[in-house]
N, C-alpha and C. Protein backbone atom coordinates (compact mmCIF):
# COMPACT_ATOMS: atom_id res chain seq x y z
N MET A 1 -22.48 16.92 -13.02
CA MET A 1 -22.92 16.29 -11.78
C MET A 1 -22.37 17.13 -10.62
N THR A 2 -23.26 17.59 -9.76
CA THR A 2 -22.81 18.36 -8.60
C THR A 2 -22.31 17.41 -7.53
N LYS A 3 -21.32 17.88 -6.81
CA LYS A 3 -20.75 17.08 -5.74
C LYS A 3 -21.17 17.68 -4.42
N SER A 4 -21.99 16.93 -3.69
CA SER A 4 -22.45 17.44 -2.40
C SER A 4 -22.27 16.45 -1.26
N ALA A 5 -21.97 15.18 -1.57
CA ALA A 5 -21.77 14.19 -0.52
C ALA A 5 -20.35 14.31 0.03
N MET A 6 -20.20 14.08 1.31
CA MET A 6 -18.89 14.21 1.93
C MET A 6 -18.48 12.88 2.55
N ILE A 7 -17.21 12.54 2.41
CA ILE A 7 -16.63 11.36 3.04
C ILE A 7 -15.60 11.85 4.04
N ARG A 8 -15.68 11.35 5.27
CA ARG A 8 -14.70 11.71 6.31
C ARG A 8 -14.07 10.43 6.82
N ALA A 9 -12.77 10.47 6.99
CA ALA A 9 -12.06 9.29 7.51
C ALA A 9 -10.87 9.74 8.34
N ARG A 10 -10.57 8.99 9.37
CA ARG A 10 -9.39 9.27 10.19
C ARG A 10 -8.30 8.28 9.77
N VAL A 11 -7.13 8.82 9.44
CA VAL A 11 -5.99 7.98 9.08
C VAL A 11 -4.74 8.51 9.78
N ASP A 12 -3.73 7.69 9.84
CA ASP A 12 -2.46 8.08 10.41
C ASP A 12 -1.91 9.29 9.64
N PRO A 13 -1.46 10.34 10.33
CA PRO A 13 -0.97 11.53 9.63
C PRO A 13 0.17 11.25 8.65
N GLY A 14 1.08 10.33 9.01
CA GLY A 14 2.17 9.99 8.10
C GLY A 14 1.67 9.32 6.84
N LEU A 15 0.70 8.43 6.99
CA LEU A 15 0.09 7.76 5.83
C LEU A 15 -0.58 8.78 4.94
N LYS A 16 -1.29 9.71 5.54
CA LYS A 16 -1.97 10.76 4.77
C LYS A 16 -0.96 11.57 3.96
N GLU A 17 0.13 11.99 4.60
CA GLU A 17 1.16 12.77 3.90
C GLU A 17 1.78 11.98 2.76
N ASP A 18 2.10 10.70 3.02
CA ASP A 18 2.69 9.86 1.98
C ASP A 18 1.75 9.70 0.79
N ALA A 19 0.47 9.46 1.08
CA ALA A 19 -0.52 9.30 0.01
C ALA A 19 -0.68 10.60 -0.76
N GLU A 20 -0.73 11.73 -0.06
CA GLU A 20 -0.86 13.03 -0.73
C GLU A 20 0.32 13.29 -1.66
N SER A 21 1.52 12.87 -1.25
CA SER A 21 2.70 13.04 -2.11
C SER A 21 2.56 12.24 -3.40
N VAL A 22 2.07 11.00 -3.25
CA VAL A 22 1.88 10.17 -4.44
C VAL A 22 0.80 10.77 -5.34
N PHE A 23 -0.30 11.19 -4.74
CA PHE A 23 -1.37 11.81 -5.54
C PHE A 23 -0.86 13.04 -6.27
N ALA A 24 -0.08 13.88 -5.58
CA ALA A 24 0.45 15.10 -6.20
C ALA A 24 1.37 14.75 -7.37
N ALA A 25 2.19 13.71 -7.21
CA ALA A 25 3.07 13.29 -8.30
C ALA A 25 2.27 12.81 -9.50
N LEU A 26 1.08 12.29 -9.24
CA LEU A 26 0.19 11.83 -10.32
C LEU A 26 -0.68 12.96 -10.85
N GLY A 27 -0.57 14.14 -10.26
CA GLY A 27 -1.38 15.28 -10.68
C GLY A 27 -2.81 15.22 -10.17
N LEU A 28 -3.01 14.52 -9.03
CA LEU A 28 -4.34 14.36 -8.47
C LEU A 28 -4.45 15.03 -7.11
N SER A 29 -5.63 15.54 -6.81
CA SER A 29 -5.94 15.98 -5.46
C SER A 29 -6.43 14.76 -4.68
N VAL A 30 -6.51 14.90 -3.38
CA VAL A 30 -7.05 13.80 -2.56
C VAL A 30 -8.48 13.51 -2.97
N THR A 31 -9.26 14.56 -3.21
CA THR A 31 -10.66 14.38 -3.64
C THR A 31 -10.74 13.61 -4.95
N GLN A 32 -9.89 13.95 -5.91
CA GLN A 32 -9.90 13.23 -7.19
C GLN A 32 -9.50 11.77 -7.01
N ALA A 33 -8.50 11.52 -6.15
CA ALA A 33 -8.06 10.15 -5.91
C ALA A 33 -9.17 9.32 -5.26
N ILE A 34 -9.85 9.90 -4.29
CA ILE A 34 -10.95 9.19 -3.63
C ILE A 34 -12.09 8.94 -4.62
N THR A 35 -12.36 9.92 -5.47
CA THR A 35 -13.40 9.75 -6.49
C THR A 35 -13.03 8.61 -7.43
N LEU A 36 -11.76 8.55 -7.86
CA LEU A 36 -11.32 7.45 -8.72
C LEU A 36 -11.47 6.10 -8.02
N PHE A 37 -11.10 6.05 -6.75
CA PHE A 37 -11.24 4.81 -5.99
C PHE A 37 -12.71 4.38 -5.95
N CYS A 38 -13.60 5.32 -5.65
CA CYS A 38 -15.03 4.99 -5.57
C CYS A 38 -15.57 4.53 -6.93
N LEU A 39 -15.11 5.16 -8.01
CA LEU A 39 -15.54 4.72 -9.35
C LEU A 39 -15.07 3.29 -9.63
N GLN A 40 -13.84 2.98 -9.25
CA GLN A 40 -13.33 1.63 -9.45
C GLN A 40 -14.13 0.61 -8.64
N VAL A 41 -14.48 0.96 -7.41
CA VAL A 41 -15.31 0.07 -6.58
C VAL A 41 -16.65 -0.17 -7.28
N LYS A 42 -17.22 0.89 -7.81
CA LYS A 42 -18.51 0.78 -8.52
C LYS A 42 -18.36 -0.13 -9.74
N TRP A 43 -17.33 0.10 -10.55
CA TRP A 43 -17.15 -0.68 -11.79
C TRP A 43 -16.78 -2.13 -11.52
N TYR A 44 -15.94 -2.38 -10.51
CA TYR A 44 -15.54 -3.74 -10.16
C TYR A 44 -16.61 -4.45 -9.34
N ARG A 45 -17.52 -3.65 -8.76
CA ARG A 45 -18.51 -4.17 -7.83
C ARG A 45 -17.81 -4.86 -6.67
N GLY A 46 -16.75 -4.22 -6.20
CA GLY A 46 -15.92 -4.71 -5.11
C GLY A 46 -14.65 -3.88 -5.07
N LEU A 47 -13.73 -4.27 -4.25
CA LEU A 47 -12.47 -3.54 -4.18
C LEU A 47 -11.67 -3.76 -5.46
N PRO A 48 -10.99 -2.73 -5.93
CA PRO A 48 -10.26 -2.85 -7.20
C PRO A 48 -8.88 -3.48 -7.06
N PHE A 49 -8.70 -4.27 -6.03
CA PHE A 49 -7.46 -4.99 -5.82
C PHE A 49 -7.78 -6.22 -4.98
N GLU A 50 -6.87 -7.18 -5.02
CA GLU A 50 -7.10 -8.44 -4.32
C GLU A 50 -6.79 -8.29 -2.83
N LEU A 51 -7.66 -8.79 -2.00
CA LEU A 51 -7.44 -8.84 -0.56
C LEU A 51 -7.45 -10.30 -0.16
N ARG A 52 -6.42 -10.69 0.57
CA ARG A 52 -6.41 -12.06 1.06
C ARG A 52 -5.58 -12.13 2.32
N LEU A 53 -5.86 -13.12 3.12
CA LEU A 53 -5.12 -13.33 4.36
C LEU A 53 -3.86 -14.13 4.06
N PRO A 54 -2.75 -13.80 4.72
CA PRO A 54 -1.53 -14.58 4.49
C PRO A 54 -1.67 -16.00 5.02
N ASN A 55 -0.99 -16.93 4.35
CA ASN A 55 -1.03 -18.32 4.81
C ASN A 55 -0.13 -18.48 6.04
N GLU A 56 -0.11 -19.67 6.61
CA GLU A 56 0.63 -19.92 7.84
C GLU A 56 2.13 -19.65 7.68
N ALA A 57 2.70 -20.08 6.56
CA ALA A 57 4.14 -19.87 6.34
C ALA A 57 4.46 -18.37 6.28
N THR A 58 3.63 -17.61 5.61
CA THR A 58 3.86 -16.17 5.51
C THR A 58 3.69 -15.51 6.87
N ARG A 59 2.69 -15.90 7.64
CA ARG A 59 2.51 -15.34 8.99
C ARG A 59 3.71 -15.64 9.87
N HIS A 60 4.26 -16.85 9.72
CA HIS A 60 5.45 -17.24 10.50
C HIS A 60 6.64 -16.34 10.14
N VAL A 61 6.86 -16.11 8.85
CA VAL A 61 7.97 -15.26 8.41
C VAL A 61 7.75 -13.82 8.88
N PHE A 62 6.53 -13.33 8.81
CA PHE A 62 6.23 -11.98 9.31
C PHE A 62 6.58 -11.87 10.79
N ALA A 63 6.19 -12.87 11.57
CA ALA A 63 6.47 -12.86 13.01
C ALA A 63 7.98 -12.87 13.26
N GLN A 64 8.72 -13.67 12.50
CA GLN A 64 10.17 -13.73 12.66
C GLN A 64 10.83 -12.39 12.32
N THR A 65 10.47 -11.83 11.19
CA THR A 65 11.11 -10.57 10.79
C THR A 65 10.70 -9.43 11.71
N ASP A 66 9.45 -9.43 12.17
CA ASP A 66 9.03 -8.40 13.13
C ASP A 66 9.86 -8.48 14.42
N ALA A 67 10.27 -9.70 14.77
CA ALA A 67 11.08 -9.90 15.97
C ALA A 67 12.57 -9.72 15.69
N GLY A 68 12.92 -9.42 14.43
CA GLY A 68 14.32 -9.23 14.07
C GLY A 68 15.10 -10.51 13.92
N GLU A 69 14.40 -11.63 13.72
CA GLU A 69 15.05 -12.94 13.61
C GLU A 69 15.22 -13.34 12.15
N ASP A 70 16.29 -14.12 11.88
CA ASP A 70 16.55 -14.70 10.55
C ASP A 70 16.54 -13.65 9.44
N LEU A 71 17.14 -12.50 9.70
CA LEU A 71 17.23 -11.45 8.68
C LEU A 71 18.57 -11.54 7.97
N GLU A 72 18.56 -11.34 6.68
CA GLU A 72 19.78 -11.25 5.90
C GLU A 72 20.03 -9.77 5.64
N ARG A 73 21.18 -9.30 6.03
CA ARG A 73 21.52 -7.90 5.82
C ARG A 73 22.52 -7.81 4.67
N CYS A 74 22.22 -6.91 3.75
CA CYS A 74 23.07 -6.73 2.58
C CYS A 74 23.66 -5.33 2.59
N LYS A 75 24.87 -5.21 2.04
CA LYS A 75 25.53 -3.90 1.98
C LYS A 75 24.80 -2.97 1.02
N ASP A 76 24.33 -3.53 -0.08
CA ASP A 76 23.66 -2.73 -1.10
C ASP A 76 22.89 -3.67 -2.03
N VAL A 77 22.31 -3.11 -3.08
CA VAL A 77 21.49 -3.91 -4.00
C VAL A 77 22.33 -4.97 -4.70
N LYS A 78 23.55 -4.60 -5.11
CA LYS A 78 24.41 -5.58 -5.78
C LYS A 78 24.67 -6.78 -4.88
N ASP A 79 24.94 -6.52 -3.60
CA ASP A 79 25.17 -7.59 -2.64
C ASP A 79 23.93 -8.46 -2.50
N MET A 80 22.76 -7.84 -2.46
CA MET A 80 21.51 -8.59 -2.33
C MET A 80 21.33 -9.52 -3.53
N PHE A 81 21.50 -8.98 -4.76
CA PHE A 81 21.34 -9.80 -5.95
C PHE A 81 22.38 -10.92 -6.01
N ARG A 82 23.60 -10.64 -5.57
CA ARG A 82 24.63 -11.65 -5.55
C ARG A 82 24.23 -12.79 -4.63
N ARG A 83 23.74 -12.44 -3.44
CA ARG A 83 23.32 -13.47 -2.48
C ARG A 83 22.14 -14.28 -2.99
N LEU A 84 21.26 -13.63 -3.77
CA LEU A 84 20.11 -14.33 -4.34
C LEU A 84 20.47 -15.13 -5.58
N GLY A 85 21.69 -14.93 -6.10
CA GLY A 85 22.11 -15.64 -7.29
C GLY A 85 21.49 -15.10 -8.57
N ILE A 86 21.17 -13.82 -8.52
CA ILE A 86 20.52 -13.18 -9.69
C ILE A 86 21.56 -12.33 -10.41
């Protein structure tokens, strides 16, 4: 199958670099990753992952943390697990 169609998209440069790093670690080029995504969309007949809007409680927590409110700061992972009782 010859490839002649082109997809162009504008994304944040940092996001592009981060995604390219992940693709490279997986042994994929950006073109191969986009092709895989499009194949999954075709096979799923929709997006290959769940999309949903956060509920009111989640939106409230997002707003609080974005404002720097009600944050728990931990020294390290051990401290975090201790505080969570895990």
